[in-house]
Structures are given as C-alpha cells and as structure tokens.
Amino acid sequence: MYLAIGFLYNLNKTEEDFQMLLKKQTVWLLTMLSLVVVLSVYYITSPDSQLNEFATTDESKENAQSEEVAEESKGDSTVTTTDSEAVFEQMRLDMMEKRDQQKEELVTIQGSSEKTAEEKNAATEKIEELQEITDNEKIMESLIKAENYEDVLVQTSENGTVNVTVKAEELSAEAANDIVQLVRKNMDAPNANVAVKIDPK
C-alpha cells in the first residue's frame, strides 16, 4: 500500500514538473517572439535608415550641384565662343551701316533737283563702286575661309587698303602671303595694299 501511495506521489510530482517546464518553455518562446518583433520594429525605424536617407539626399544634392557647375562651365564656354564670333559680326554690321548711310546720302544726291547731272552721275558711280566692294569682300571671305580658316573678315578702307582678319591658332608668313596673293588676284590688282592679321581662337 505504501508503495502504491509513493508511486502515485511521484507520478503527480512528475506531471507537475512537466507542466512547469512546459510553462517555462511557453514563456521563453513568447519572450523570444516579442524580442524578434521589437528588433524588427527597431530595425525599420532605426537611425541607420535615416542616415542612409540623408546620405542619399546629400549625394543627390552633390550630383545636382556638379551638373549645375558643368552646365555653367558649358554655358561659359558657349558665351566665350559667341563673343568671339560676335566681334566679327559686329564689325561687319558696323561696315554695312556705314555704307548704307553713304548710299542713302548718294541716293539723296541722285534725287535732288539742286544737284547737277555730273554730281548725280558721280553719285551713281559711287553707289555701284560701294556695291562692287561689298560683293568682292564677300567673295574673298569665302575663298580665304575655304583654306581651312574658322572665320574671315575682309574690309576695304576708303584709301583702298584691304584689311583681312583671319581666326586661327597661328598664321605663318607663307600663309599670310598666300592670302595677300589671293586678294590681289581676286581684285585684279597686283599691287593692291593688303594687310593681314590674326585673331586667335
């Protein structure tokens, strides 16, 4: 009888121990799950992600600034080139305006009742001369530019001197002489006074 009672006691104790162990394991499992959840939330909202976001933002800003500087540099380069070309164009415009003004004055002489026939004829001849000079300048610019010059400006002064300006890195004496001979040949004037100068790129 005592053995039966002892056996039942041990059985009840073993069952209680098992239940206690099961409860501990359950508590441990729940604790681990809670810890995993907390760590997951912390990882999602951790400062590292904010730092990454800031780093990405800073990198984007740096890229944008680099692109802006590059664009400004490009813009500066374009302005420099445009200014260089504008010098030639402005000189052409100035010459055209000056000649247009001369033509207007000559046309006024042609239509004036106070001018003699000789004065009117002289005005007509001068208008034709100005037009011929302008046409020759354009032809010479095209011919010289065809010799691999970036740009060429030809201007004929009132005293008959032909001023040639070429845009190039350098201009040798031989190249300058070739230009002089080309101008004289086009003008059909072997002894024409021709001045050549270089405008660096």
N, C-alpha and C. Protein backbone atom coordinates (compact mmCIF):
# COMPACT_ATOMS: atom_id res chain seq x y z
N MET A 1 0.83 -1.22 0.00
CA MET A 1 0.00 0.00 0.00
C MET A 1 0.86 1.26 0.00
N TYR A 2 1.88 1.22 0.81
CA TYR A 2 2.78 2.38 0.85
C TYR A 2 3.48 2.59 -0.49
N LEU A 3 3.75 1.46 -1.14
CA LEU A 3 4.39 1.57 -2.45
C LEU A 3 3.47 2.22 -3.44
N ALA A 4 2.21 1.88 -3.39
CA ALA A 4 1.23 2.47 -4.31
C ALA A 4 1.10 3.95 -4.08
N ILE A 5 1.05 4.33 -2.80
CA ILE A 5 0.93 5.77 -2.48
C ILE A 5 2.16 6.51 -2.96
N GLY A 6 3.36 5.91 -2.72
CA GLY A 6 4.60 6.55 -3.16
C GLY A 6 4.64 6.69 -4.67
N PHE A 7 4.17 5.67 -5.36
CA PHE A 7 4.17 5.73 -6.82
C PHE A 7 3.27 6.84 -7.34
N LEU A 8 2.07 6.93 -6.73
CA LEU A 8 1.13 7.99 -7.14
C LEU A 8 1.70 9.37 -6.85
N TYR A 9 2.41 9.49 -5.75
CA TYR A 9 3.00 10.78 -5.37
C TYR A 9 4.06 11.19 -6.40
N ASN A 10 4.90 10.21 -6.73
CA ASN A 10 5.95 10.51 -7.71
C ASN A 10 5.36 10.84 -9.07
N LEU A 11 4.27 10.15 -9.41
CA LEU A 11 3.62 10.41 -10.70
C LEU A 11 3.05 11.81 -10.75
N ASN A 12 2.40 12.20 -9.67
CA ASN A 12 1.83 13.57 -9.61
C ASN A 12 2.94 14.62 -9.66
N LYS A 13 4.04 14.34 -8.99
CA LYS A 13 5.16 15.30 -8.97
C LYS A 13 5.78 15.44 -10.36
N THR A 14 5.91 14.31 -11.05
CA THR A 14 6.48 14.34 -12.40
C THR A 14 5.58 15.12 -13.35
N GLU A 15 4.29 14.95 -13.20
CA GLU A 15 3.34 15.68 -14.04
C GLU A 15 3.40 17.18 -13.77
N GLU A 16 3.55 17.52 -12.49
CA GLU A 16 3.65 18.94 -12.13
C GLU A 16 4.94 19.55 -12.70
N ASP A 17 6.02 18.75 -12.60
CA ASP A 17 7.29 19.24 -13.14
C ASP A 17 7.21 19.44 -14.66
N PHE A 18 6.52 18.51 -15.31
CA PHE A 18 6.37 18.61 -16.76
C PHE A 18 5.57 19.85 -17.15
N GLN A 19 4.49 20.07 -16.40
CA GLN A 19 3.67 21.25 -16.68
C GLN A 19 4.44 22.54 -16.42
N MET A 20 5.26 22.53 -15.36
CA MET A 20 6.06 23.71 -15.05
C MET A 20 7.08 23.97 -16.16
N LEU A 21 7.69 22.86 -16.63
CA LEU A 21 8.66 23.01 -17.71
C LEU A 21 7.99 23.52 -18.98
N LEU A 22 6.79 23.01 -19.23
CA LEU A 22 6.06 23.45 -20.41
C LEU A 22 5.72 24.94 -20.33
N LYS A 23 5.33 25.38 -19.14
CA LYS A 23 5.01 26.80 -18.94
C LYS A 23 6.26 27.67 -19.16
N LYS A 24 7.40 27.18 -18.66
CA LYS A 24 8.64 27.94 -18.83
C LYS A 24 9.02 28.06 -20.31
N GLN A 25 8.86 26.93 -21.02
CA GLN A 25 9.17 26.96 -22.45
C GLN A 25 8.23 27.90 -23.20
N THR A 26 6.95 27.89 -22.79
CA THR A 26 5.98 28.78 -23.43
C THR A 26 6.35 30.24 -23.18
N VAL A 27 6.69 30.53 -21.93
CA VAL A 27 7.09 31.91 -21.58
C VAL A 27 8.35 32.30 -22.36
N TRP A 28 9.29 31.38 -22.46
CA TRP A 28 10.53 31.66 -23.19
C TRP A 28 10.26 31.93 -24.67
N LEU A 29 9.37 31.08 -25.24
CA LEU A 29 9.03 31.25 -26.65
C LEU A 29 8.34 32.58 -26.90
N LEU A 30 7.41 32.93 -26.02
CA LEU A 30 6.72 34.22 -26.17
C LEU A 30 7.69 35.39 -26.02
N THR A 31 8.64 35.23 -25.09
CA THR A 31 9.64 36.28 -24.89
C THR A 31 10.49 36.47 -26.14
N MET A 32 10.91 35.36 -26.73
CA MET A 32 11.72 35.43 -27.94
C MET A 32 10.95 36.06 -29.10
N LEU A 33 9.68 35.67 -29.23
CA LEU A 33 8.85 36.25 -30.28
C LEU A 33 8.70 37.76 -30.09
N SER A 34 8.49 38.15 -28.85
CA SER A 34 8.36 39.59 -28.54
C SER A 34 9.65 40.33 -28.88
N LEU A 35 10.78 39.68 -28.54
CA LEU A 35 12.07 40.29 -28.82
C LEU A 35 12.29 40.45 -30.33
N VAL A 36 11.91 39.43 -31.09
CA VAL A 36 12.03 39.50 -32.54
C VAL A 36 11.19 40.64 -33.11
N VAL A 37 9.96 40.76 -32.59
CA VAL A 37 9.08 41.84 -33.06
C VAL A 37 9.68 43.20 -32.74
N VAL A 38 10.19 43.34 -31.50
CA VAL A 38 10.78 44.62 -31.09
C VAL A 38 12.00 44.96 -31.95
N LEU A 39 12.85 43.94 -32.18
CA LEU A 39 14.03 44.18 -33.02
C LEU A 39 13.65 44.54 -34.45
N SER A 40 12.61 43.92 -34.96
CA SER A 40 12.16 44.23 -36.32
C SER A 40 11.69 45.67 -36.42
N VAL A 41 10.89 46.07 -35.44
CA VAL A 41 10.40 47.46 -35.42
C VAL A 41 11.56 48.43 -35.29
N TYR A 42 12.51 48.09 -34.41
CA TYR A 42 13.67 48.96 -34.22
C TYR A 42 14.50 49.08 -35.49
N TYR A 43 14.66 47.95 -36.18
CA TYR A 43 15.46 47.96 -37.41
C TYR A 43 14.81 48.83 -38.49
N ILE A 44 13.48 48.73 -38.56
CA ILE A 44 12.77 49.51 -39.58
C ILE A 44 12.88 51.00 -39.30
N THR A 45 12.77 51.36 -38.04
CA THR A 45 12.77 52.79 -37.66
C THR A 45 14.10 53.23 -37.08
N SER A 46 15.16 52.46 -37.31
CA SER A 46 16.45 52.79 -36.71
C SER A 46 17.06 54.02 -37.38
N PRO A 47 17.95 54.75 -36.68
CA PRO A 47 18.62 55.93 -37.26
C PRO A 47 19.46 55.60 -38.48
N ASP A 48 19.88 54.32 -38.63
CA ASP A 48 20.69 53.95 -39.79
C ASP A 48 19.95 54.21 -41.08
N SER A 49 18.66 53.90 -41.09
CA SER A 49 17.88 54.15 -42.30
C SER A 49 17.79 55.63 -42.58
N GLN A 50 17.69 56.42 -41.47
CA GLN A 50 17.66 57.87 -41.65
C GLN A 50 18.99 58.36 -42.19
N LEU A 51 20.09 57.77 -41.66
CA LEU A 51 21.40 58.17 -42.16
C LEU A 51 21.54 57.83 -43.63
N ASN A 52 21.03 56.65 -44.01
CA ASN A 52 21.07 56.27 -45.42
C ASN A 52 20.28 57.24 -46.27
N GLU A 53 19.13 57.65 -45.71
CA GLU A 53 18.29 58.59 -46.45
C GLU A 53 19.01 59.92 -46.62
N PHE A 54 19.65 60.38 -45.49
CA PHE A 54 20.39 61.63 -45.57
C PHE A 54 21.55 61.51 -46.54
N ALA A 55 22.23 60.35 -46.49
CA ALA A 55 23.37 60.16 -47.40
C ALA A 55 22.91 60.20 -48.85
N THR A 56 21.77 59.56 -49.11
CA THR A 56 21.23 59.57 -50.47
C THR A 56 20.86 60.98 -50.89
N THR A 57 20.24 61.73 -49.96
CA THR A 57 19.85 63.11 -50.26
C THR A 57 21.08 63.97 -50.54
N ASP A 58 22.12 63.81 -49.67
CA ASP A 58 23.34 64.59 -49.87
C ASP A 58 24.00 64.25 -51.20
N GLU A 59 23.99 62.93 -51.53
CA GLU A 59 24.59 62.52 -52.80
C GLU A 59 23.83 63.12 -53.97
N SER A 60 22.50 63.15 -53.85
CA SER A 60 21.70 63.73 -54.92
C SER A 60 22.00 65.22 -55.06
N LYS A 61 22.15 65.90 -53.90
CA LYS A 61 22.47 67.32 -53.95
C LYS A 61 23.82 67.55 -54.60
N GLU A 62 24.81 66.70 -54.23
CA GLU A 62 26.14 66.86 -54.82
C GLU A 62 26.10 66.64 -56.32
N ASN A 63 25.34 65.61 -56.74
CA ASN A 63 25.22 65.35 -58.18
C ASN A 63 24.57 66.53 -58.88
N ALA A 64 23.52 67.08 -58.24
CA ALA A 64 22.82 68.22 -58.85
C ALA A 64 23.76 69.41 -58.95
N GLN A 65 24.57 69.64 -57.88
CA GLN A 65 25.50 70.76 -57.91
C GLN A 65 26.56 70.54 -58.97
N SER A 66 27.05 69.29 -59.10
CA SER A 66 28.05 69.00 -60.12
C SER A 66 27.50 69.26 -61.51
N GLU A 67 26.23 68.82 -61.72
CA GLU A 67 25.61 69.05 -63.02
C GLU A 67 25.45 70.54 -63.28
N GLU A 68 25.11 71.29 -62.21
CA GLU A 68 24.91 72.73 -62.37
C GLU A 68 26.21 73.41 -62.73
N VAL A 69 27.31 73.00 -62.03
CA VAL A 69 28.62 73.59 -62.33
C VAL A 69 29.04 73.26 -63.75
N ALA A 70 28.80 71.98 -64.15
CA ALA A 70 29.14 71.57 -65.51
C ALA A 70 28.35 72.37 -66.52
N GLU A 71 27.06 72.59 -66.21
CA GLU A 71 26.22 73.35 -67.13
C GLU A 71 26.70 74.79 -67.21
N GLU A 72 27.12 75.36 -66.03
CA GLU A 72 27.62 76.73 -66.04
C GLU A 72 28.92 76.82 -66.84
N SER A 73 29.79 75.79 -66.64
CA SER A 73 31.04 75.79 -67.40
C SER A 73 30.77 75.71 -68.88
N LYS A 74 29.82 74.85 -69.20
CA LYS A 74 29.44 74.72 -70.60
C LYS A 74 28.88 76.04 -71.11
N GLY A 75 28.02 76.67 -70.26
CA GLY A 75 27.46 77.95 -70.66
C GLY A 75 28.53 78.98 -70.87
N ASP A 76 29.55 79.01 -69.90
CA ASP A 76 30.64 79.97 -70.04
C ASP A 76 31.40 79.75 -71.34
N SER A 77 31.65 78.48 -71.64
CA SER A 77 32.37 78.17 -72.87
C SER A 77 31.61 78.66 -74.09
N THR A 78 30.30 78.47 -74.09
CA THR A 78 29.47 78.90 -75.21
C THR A 78 29.48 80.41 -75.34
N VAL A 79 29.42 81.11 -74.21
CA VAL A 79 29.41 82.57 -74.25
C VAL A 79 30.71 83.08 -74.83
N THR A 80 31.84 82.45 -74.43
CA THR A 80 33.14 82.88 -74.93
C THR A 80 33.21 82.75 -76.44
N THR A 81 32.76 81.60 -76.93
CA THR A 81 32.76 81.38 -78.38
C THR A 81 31.86 82.37 -79.08
N THR A 82 30.68 82.59 -78.51
CA THR A 82 29.73 83.51 -79.12
C THR A 82 30.29 84.93 -79.15
N ASP A 83 30.97 85.34 -78.05
CA ASP A 83 31.57 86.66 -78.01
C ASP A 83 32.62 86.80 -79.10
N SER A 84 33.43 85.76 -79.30
CA SER A 84 34.46 85.81 -80.33
C SER A 84 33.85 85.95 -81.71
N GLU A 85 32.79 85.21 -81.97
CA GLU A 85 32.11 85.32 -83.25
C GLU A 85 31.41 86.67 -83.38
N ALA A 86 30.91 87.17 -82.25
CA ALA A 86 30.18 88.43 -82.28
C ALA A 86 31.08 89.59 -82.68
N VAL A 87 32.38 89.48 -82.37
CA VAL A 87 33.31 90.55 -82.76
C VAL A 87 33.32 90.71 -84.27
N PHE A 88 33.43 89.59 -84.97
CA PHE A 88 33.43 89.63 -86.43
C PHE A 88 32.09 90.16 -86.96
N GLU A 89 31.01 89.63 -86.40
CA GLU A 89 29.68 90.04 -86.88
C GLU A 89 29.44 91.52 -86.62
N GLN A 90 29.88 92.01 -85.47
CA GLN A 90 29.68 93.42 -85.15
C GLN A 90 30.47 94.31 -86.10
N MET A 91 31.68 93.89 -86.44
CA MET A 91 32.49 94.67 -87.38
C MET A 91 31.84 94.69 -88.76
N ARG A 92 31.26 93.57 -89.15
CA ARG A 92 30.54 93.52 -90.44
C ARG A 92 29.34 94.47 -90.41
N LEU A 93 28.60 94.41 -89.30
CA LEU A 93 27.41 95.26 -89.19
C LEU A 93 27.78 96.74 -89.21
N ASP A 94 28.87 97.07 -88.51
CA ASP A 94 29.31 98.47 -88.48
C ASP A 94 29.67 98.95 -89.89
N MET A 95 30.37 98.11 -90.65
CA MET A 95 30.74 98.47 -92.01
C MET A 95 29.50 98.61 -92.90
N MET A 96 28.55 97.68 -92.73
CA MET A 96 27.32 97.73 -93.53
C MET A 96 26.52 98.99 -93.22
N GLU A 97 26.43 99.33 -91.94
CA GLU A 97 25.68 100.54 -91.56
C GLU A 97 26.35 101.79 -92.14
N LYS A 98 27.68 101.80 -92.09
CA LYS A 98 28.40 102.95 -92.62
C LYS A 98 28.16 103.09 -94.13
N ARG A 99 28.20 101.97 -94.83
CA ARG A 99 27.99 102.02 -96.28
C ARG A 99 26.53 102.31 -96.63
N ASP A 100 25.62 101.79 -95.84
CA ASP A 100 24.20 102.09 -96.07
C ASP A 100 23.94 103.59 -95.91
N GLN A 101 24.61 104.18 -94.93
CA GLN A 101 24.45 105.62 -94.73
C GLN A 101 25.03 106.38 -95.93
N GLN A 102 26.18 105.91 -96.42
CA GLN A 102 26.77 106.55 -97.61
C GLN A 102 25.83 106.43 -98.81
N LYS A 103 25.24 105.26 -98.98
CA LYS A 103 24.32 105.05 -100.11
C LYS A 103 23.10 105.96 -100.00
N GLU A 104 22.58 106.12 -98.78
CA GLU A 104 21.43 106.99 -98.59
C GLU A 104 21.77 108.43 -98.99
N GLU A 105 22.94 108.87 -98.60
CA GLU A 105 23.37 110.23 -98.97
C GLU A 105 23.52 110.36 -100.49
N LEU A 106 24.06 109.31 -101.11
CA LEU A 106 24.23 109.34 -102.57
C LEU A 106 22.89 109.29 -103.29
N VAL A 107 21.96 108.51 -102.75
CA VAL A 107 20.61 108.45 -103.35
C VAL A 107 19.92 109.80 -103.22
N THR A 108 20.17 110.47 -102.10
CA THR A 108 19.60 111.82 -101.93
C THR A 108 20.15 112.77 -102.99
N ILE A 109 21.43 112.64 -103.28
CA ILE A 109 22.04 113.48 -104.33
C ILE A 109 21.40 113.17 -105.69
N GLN A 110 21.17 111.87 -105.95
CA GLN A 110 20.57 111.49 -107.22
C GLN A 110 19.18 112.10 -107.41
N GLY A 111 18.44 112.20 -106.34
CA GLY A 111 17.07 112.70 -106.45
C GLY A 111 16.93 114.18 -106.20
N SER A 112 18.03 114.86 -105.94
CA SER A 112 17.96 116.28 -105.65
C SER A 112 17.89 117.10 -106.94
N SER A 113 16.99 118.06 -106.93
CA SER A 113 16.85 118.94 -108.10
C SER A 113 17.92 120.03 -108.09
N GLU A 114 18.61 120.15 -106.97
CA GLU A 114 19.63 121.18 -106.84
C GLU A 114 21.00 120.69 -107.31
N LYS A 115 21.12 119.39 -107.56
CA LYS A 115 22.41 118.84 -107.98
C LYS A 115 22.50 118.80 -109.51
N THR A 116 23.73 118.95 -110.00
CA THR A 116 23.95 118.91 -111.44
C THR A 116 23.96 117.46 -111.94
N ALA A 117 23.91 117.32 -113.25
CA ALA A 117 23.92 115.98 -113.84
C ALA A 117 25.24 115.27 -113.53
N GLU A 118 26.32 116.03 -113.53
CA GLU A 118 27.62 115.43 -113.23
C GLU A 118 27.66 114.90 -111.80
N GLU A 119 27.11 115.66 -110.86
CA GLU A 119 27.08 115.23 -109.46
C GLU A 119 26.21 113.98 -109.29
N LYS A 120 25.10 113.95 -110.02
CA LYS A 120 24.22 112.78 -109.95
C LYS A 120 24.90 111.55 -110.55
N ASN A 121 25.61 111.75 -111.65
CA ASN A 121 26.32 110.62 -112.26
C ASN A 121 27.44 110.10 -111.34
N ALA A 122 28.11 111.05 -110.69
CA ALA A 122 29.17 110.66 -109.75
C ALA A 122 28.59 109.87 -108.58
N ALA A 123 27.41 110.30 -108.13
CA ALA A 123 26.75 109.58 -107.03
C ALA A 123 26.37 108.17 -107.46
N THR A 124 25.89 108.04 -108.69
CA THR A 124 25.52 106.72 -109.21
C THR A 124 26.74 105.81 -109.30
N GLU A 125 27.84 106.36 -109.80
CA GLU A 125 29.07 105.57 -109.91
C GLU A 125 29.59 105.15 -108.53
N LYS A 126 29.46 106.04 -107.56
CA LYS A 126 29.92 105.72 -106.20
C LYS A 126 29.07 104.61 -105.59
N ILE A 127 27.77 104.64 -105.84
CA ILE A 127 26.89 103.59 -105.33
C ILE A 127 27.29 102.24 -105.92
N GLU A 128 27.55 102.23 -107.22
CA GLU A 128 27.96 100.99 -107.88
C GLU A 128 29.32 100.50 -107.35
N GLU A 129 30.19 101.46 -107.08
CA GLU A 129 31.51 101.11 -106.54
C GLU A 129 31.39 100.48 -105.15
N LEU A 130 30.55 101.06 -104.31
CA LEU A 130 30.34 100.51 -102.96
C LEU A 130 29.77 99.10 -103.02
N GLN A 131 28.84 98.90 -103.94
CA GLN A 131 28.24 97.57 -104.08
C GLN A 131 29.27 96.56 -104.57
N GLU A 132 30.12 97.00 -105.49
CA GLU A 132 31.16 96.10 -106.02
C GLU A 132 32.16 95.73 -104.92
N ILE A 133 32.51 96.72 -104.10
CA ILE A 133 33.44 96.45 -102.99
C ILE A 133 32.84 95.43 -102.02
N THR A 134 31.57 95.62 -101.70
CA THR A 134 30.88 94.70 -100.77
C THR A 134 30.84 93.28 -101.33
N ASP A 135 30.53 93.18 -102.61
CA ASP A 135 30.48 91.86 -103.25
C ASP A 135 31.85 91.20 -103.26
N ASN A 136 32.88 91.98 -103.57
CA ASN A 136 34.25 91.43 -103.59
C ASN A 136 34.69 90.96 -102.20
N GLU A 137 34.31 91.71 -101.19
CA GLU A 137 34.66 91.32 -99.82
C GLU A 137 34.04 89.97 -99.47
N LYS A 138 32.78 89.78 -99.83
CA LYS A 138 32.11 88.51 -99.55
C LYS A 138 32.77 87.36 -100.29
N ILE A 139 33.14 87.62 -101.54
CA ILE A 139 33.80 86.57 -102.34
C ILE A 139 35.16 86.21 -101.73
N MET A 140 35.93 87.24 -101.35
CA MET A 140 37.24 86.99 -100.76
C MET A 140 37.13 86.27 -99.42
N GLU A 141 36.14 86.61 -98.64
CA GLU A 141 35.94 85.91 -97.37
C GLU A 141 35.67 84.42 -97.60
N SER A 142 34.85 84.12 -98.59
CA SER A 142 34.54 82.72 -98.90
C SER A 142 35.78 81.98 -99.40
N LEU A 143 36.56 82.63 -100.27
CA LEU A 143 37.75 81.99 -100.82
C LEU A 143 38.80 81.72 -99.74
N ILE A 144 39.00 82.71 -98.88
CA ILE A 144 40.01 82.55 -97.82
C ILE A 144 39.54 81.53 -96.78
N LYS A 145 38.26 81.58 -96.45
CA LYS A 145 37.72 80.64 -95.46
C LYS A 145 37.83 79.21 -95.96
N ALA A 146 37.79 79.04 -97.27
CA ALA A 146 37.91 77.70 -97.86
C ALA A 146 39.30 77.11 -97.65
N GLU A 147 40.26 77.96 -97.23
CA GLU A 147 41.62 77.49 -96.95
C GLU A 147 41.74 77.00 -95.50
N ASN A 148 40.64 76.51 -94.94
CA ASN A 148 40.61 75.92 -93.59
C ASN A 148 40.79 76.94 -92.47
N TYR A 149 40.23 78.13 -92.65
CA TYR A 149 40.19 79.10 -91.57
C TYR A 149 38.79 79.10 -90.97
N GLU A 150 38.73 79.22 -89.64
CA GLU A 150 37.43 79.16 -88.95
C GLU A 150 36.52 80.30 -89.38
N ASP A 151 37.08 81.49 -89.47
CA ASP A 151 36.29 82.64 -89.91
C ASP A 151 37.23 83.67 -90.52
N VAL A 152 36.68 84.49 -91.39
CA VAL A 152 37.49 85.50 -92.09
C VAL A 152 36.67 86.78 -92.20
N LEU A 153 37.34 87.89 -92.01
CA LEU A 153 36.70 89.19 -92.16
C LEU A 153 37.54 90.04 -93.12
N VAL A 154 36.91 90.50 -94.19
CA VAL A 154 37.59 91.34 -95.18
C VAL A 154 36.91 92.70 -95.21
N GLN A 155 37.70 93.74 -95.02
CA GLN A 155 37.17 95.11 -95.04
C GLN A 155 38.08 95.99 -95.90
N THR A 156 37.44 96.75 -96.75
CA THR A 156 38.18 97.66 -97.63
C THR A 156 38.01 99.08 -97.12
N SER A 157 39.12 99.70 -96.77
CA SER A 157 39.05 101.06 -96.25
C SER A 157 38.88 102.06 -97.39
N GLU A 158 38.63 103.32 -97.02
CA GLU A 158 38.37 104.35 -98.03
C GLU A 158 39.60 104.64 -98.88
N ASN A 159 40.79 104.39 -98.32
CA ASN A 159 42.01 104.64 -99.11
C ASN A 159 42.37 103.45 -100.00
N GLY A 160 41.53 102.41 -100.00
CA GLY A 160 41.75 101.28 -100.89
C GLY A 160 42.48 100.10 -100.26
N THR A 161 42.97 100.25 -99.04
CA THR A 161 43.65 99.15 -98.36
C THR A 161 42.65 98.05 -97.98
N VAL A 162 43.03 96.82 -98.29
CA VAL A 162 42.17 95.69 -97.95
C VAL A 162 42.69 95.06 -96.66
N ASN A 163 41.89 95.12 -95.61
CA ASN A 163 42.27 94.56 -94.31
C ASN A 163 41.63 93.18 -94.14
N VAL A 164 42.47 92.18 -93.95
CA VAL A 164 41.99 90.81 -93.81
C VAL A 164 42.31 90.31 -92.40
N THR A 165 41.30 89.87 -91.70
CA THR A 165 41.48 89.29 -90.36
C THR A 165 41.01 87.84 -90.40
N VAL A 166 41.90 86.93 -90.02
CA VAL A 166 41.55 85.50 -90.02
C VAL A 166 41.56 84.99 -88.58
N LYS A 167 40.63 84.11 -88.30
CA LYS A 167 40.58 83.49 -86.98
C LYS A 167 41.30 82.15 -87.06
N ALA A 168 42.44 82.06 -86.37
CA ALA A 168 43.25 80.84 -86.42
C ALA A 168 44.18 80.81 -85.21
N GLU A 169 44.68 79.61 -84.90
CA GLU A 169 45.62 79.47 -83.79
C GLU A 169 46.93 80.19 -84.09
N GLU A 170 47.37 80.09 -85.33
CA GLU A 170 48.61 80.74 -85.75
C GLU A 170 48.55 81.01 -87.25
N LEU A 171 49.42 81.90 -87.68
CA LEU A 171 49.45 82.27 -89.10
C LEU A 171 50.91 82.49 -89.50
N SER A 172 51.39 81.62 -90.35
CA SER A 172 52.78 81.73 -90.80
C SER A 172 52.91 82.83 -91.84
N ALA A 173 54.15 83.25 -92.08
CA ALA A 173 54.41 84.28 -93.09
C ALA A 173 54.00 83.78 -94.48
N GLU A 174 54.21 82.49 -94.73
CA GLU A 174 53.83 81.92 -96.02
C GLU A 174 52.32 81.94 -96.20
N ALA A 175 51.59 81.59 -95.13
CA ALA A 175 50.13 81.59 -95.21
C ALA A 175 49.60 83.00 -95.41
N ALA A 176 50.21 83.97 -94.72
CA ALA A 176 49.79 85.37 -94.88
C ALA A 176 50.04 85.84 -96.31
N ASN A 177 51.17 85.45 -96.88
CA ASN A 177 51.49 85.84 -98.26
C ASN A 177 50.50 85.22 -99.25
N ASP A 178 50.09 83.97 -98.98
CA ASP A 178 49.10 83.32 -99.84
C ASP A 178 47.79 84.09 -99.84
N ILE A 179 47.42 84.59 -98.66
CA ILE A 179 46.18 85.37 -98.56
C ILE A 179 46.31 86.67 -99.35
N VAL A 180 47.46 87.32 -99.23
CA VAL A 180 47.68 88.58 -99.96
C VAL A 180 47.56 88.34 -101.46
N GLN A 181 48.19 87.29 -101.95
CA GLN A 181 48.14 87.00 -103.39
C GLN A 181 46.72 86.64 -103.84
N LEU A 182 45.99 85.94 -102.98
CA LEU A 182 44.62 85.57 -103.31
C LEU A 182 43.74 86.81 -103.45
N VAL A 183 43.93 87.77 -102.53
CA VAL A 183 43.15 89.01 -102.57
C VAL A 183 43.51 89.82 -103.81
N ARG A 184 44.79 89.95 -104.09
CA ARG A 184 45.21 90.73 -105.26
C ARG A 184 44.70 90.12 -106.55
N LYS A 185 44.71 88.79 -106.61
CA LYS A 185 44.21 88.11 -107.81
C LYS A 185 42.71 88.35 -107.97
N ASN A 186 41.98 88.27 -106.88
CA ASN A 186 40.53 88.46 -106.95
C ASN A 186 40.19 89.90 -107.32
N MET A 187 41.00 90.86 -106.86
CA MET A 187 40.77 92.26 -107.17
C MET A 187 41.32 92.64 -108.54
N ASP A 188 42.11 91.73 -109.12
CA ASP A 188 42.78 92.02 -110.38
C ASP A 188 43.65 93.26 -110.22
N ALA A 189 44.34 93.31 -109.06
CA ALA A 189 45.21 94.45 -108.76
C ALA A 189 46.49 93.91 -108.12
N PRO A 190 47.52 93.63 -108.93
CA PRO A 190 48.76 93.01 -108.44
C PRO A 190 49.48 93.81 -107.36
N ASN A 191 49.26 95.11 -107.35
CA ASN A 191 49.96 95.97 -106.40
C ASN A 191 49.04 96.49 -105.29
N ALA A 192 47.92 95.86 -105.11
CA ALA A 192 46.97 96.32 -104.09
C ALA A 192 47.59 96.21 -102.69
N ASN A 193 47.27 97.18 -101.86
CA ASN A 193 47.78 97.18 -100.49
C ASN A 193 46.88 96.28 -99.63
N VAL A 194 47.45 95.16 -99.16
CA VAL A 194 46.67 94.20 -98.38
C VAL A 194 47.33 94.00 -97.02
N ALA A 195 46.57 94.14 -95.96
CA ALA A 195 47.07 93.94 -94.60
C ALA A 195 46.37 92.72 -94.00
N VAL A 196 47.19 91.79 -93.51
CA VAL A 196 46.64 90.55 -92.94
C VAL A 196 47.01 90.47 -91.46
N LYS A 197 46.03 90.16 -90.64
CA LYS A 197 46.29 89.96 -89.21
C LYS A 197 45.49 88.76 -88.72
N ILE A 198 45.90 88.26 -87.55
CA ILE A 198 45.28 87.06 -87.00
C ILE A 198 44.48 87.40 -85.75
N ASP A 199 43.36 86.74 -85.63
CA ASP A 199 42.55 86.85 -84.41
C ASP A 199 42.54 85.46 -83.78
N PRO A 200 43.29 85.26 -82.67
CA PRO A 200 43.38 83.92 -82.08
C PRO A 200 42.01 83.39 -81.68
N LYS A 201 41.85 82.06 -81.75
CA LYS A 201 40.58 81.42 -81.38
C LYS A 201 40.32 81.59 -79.90
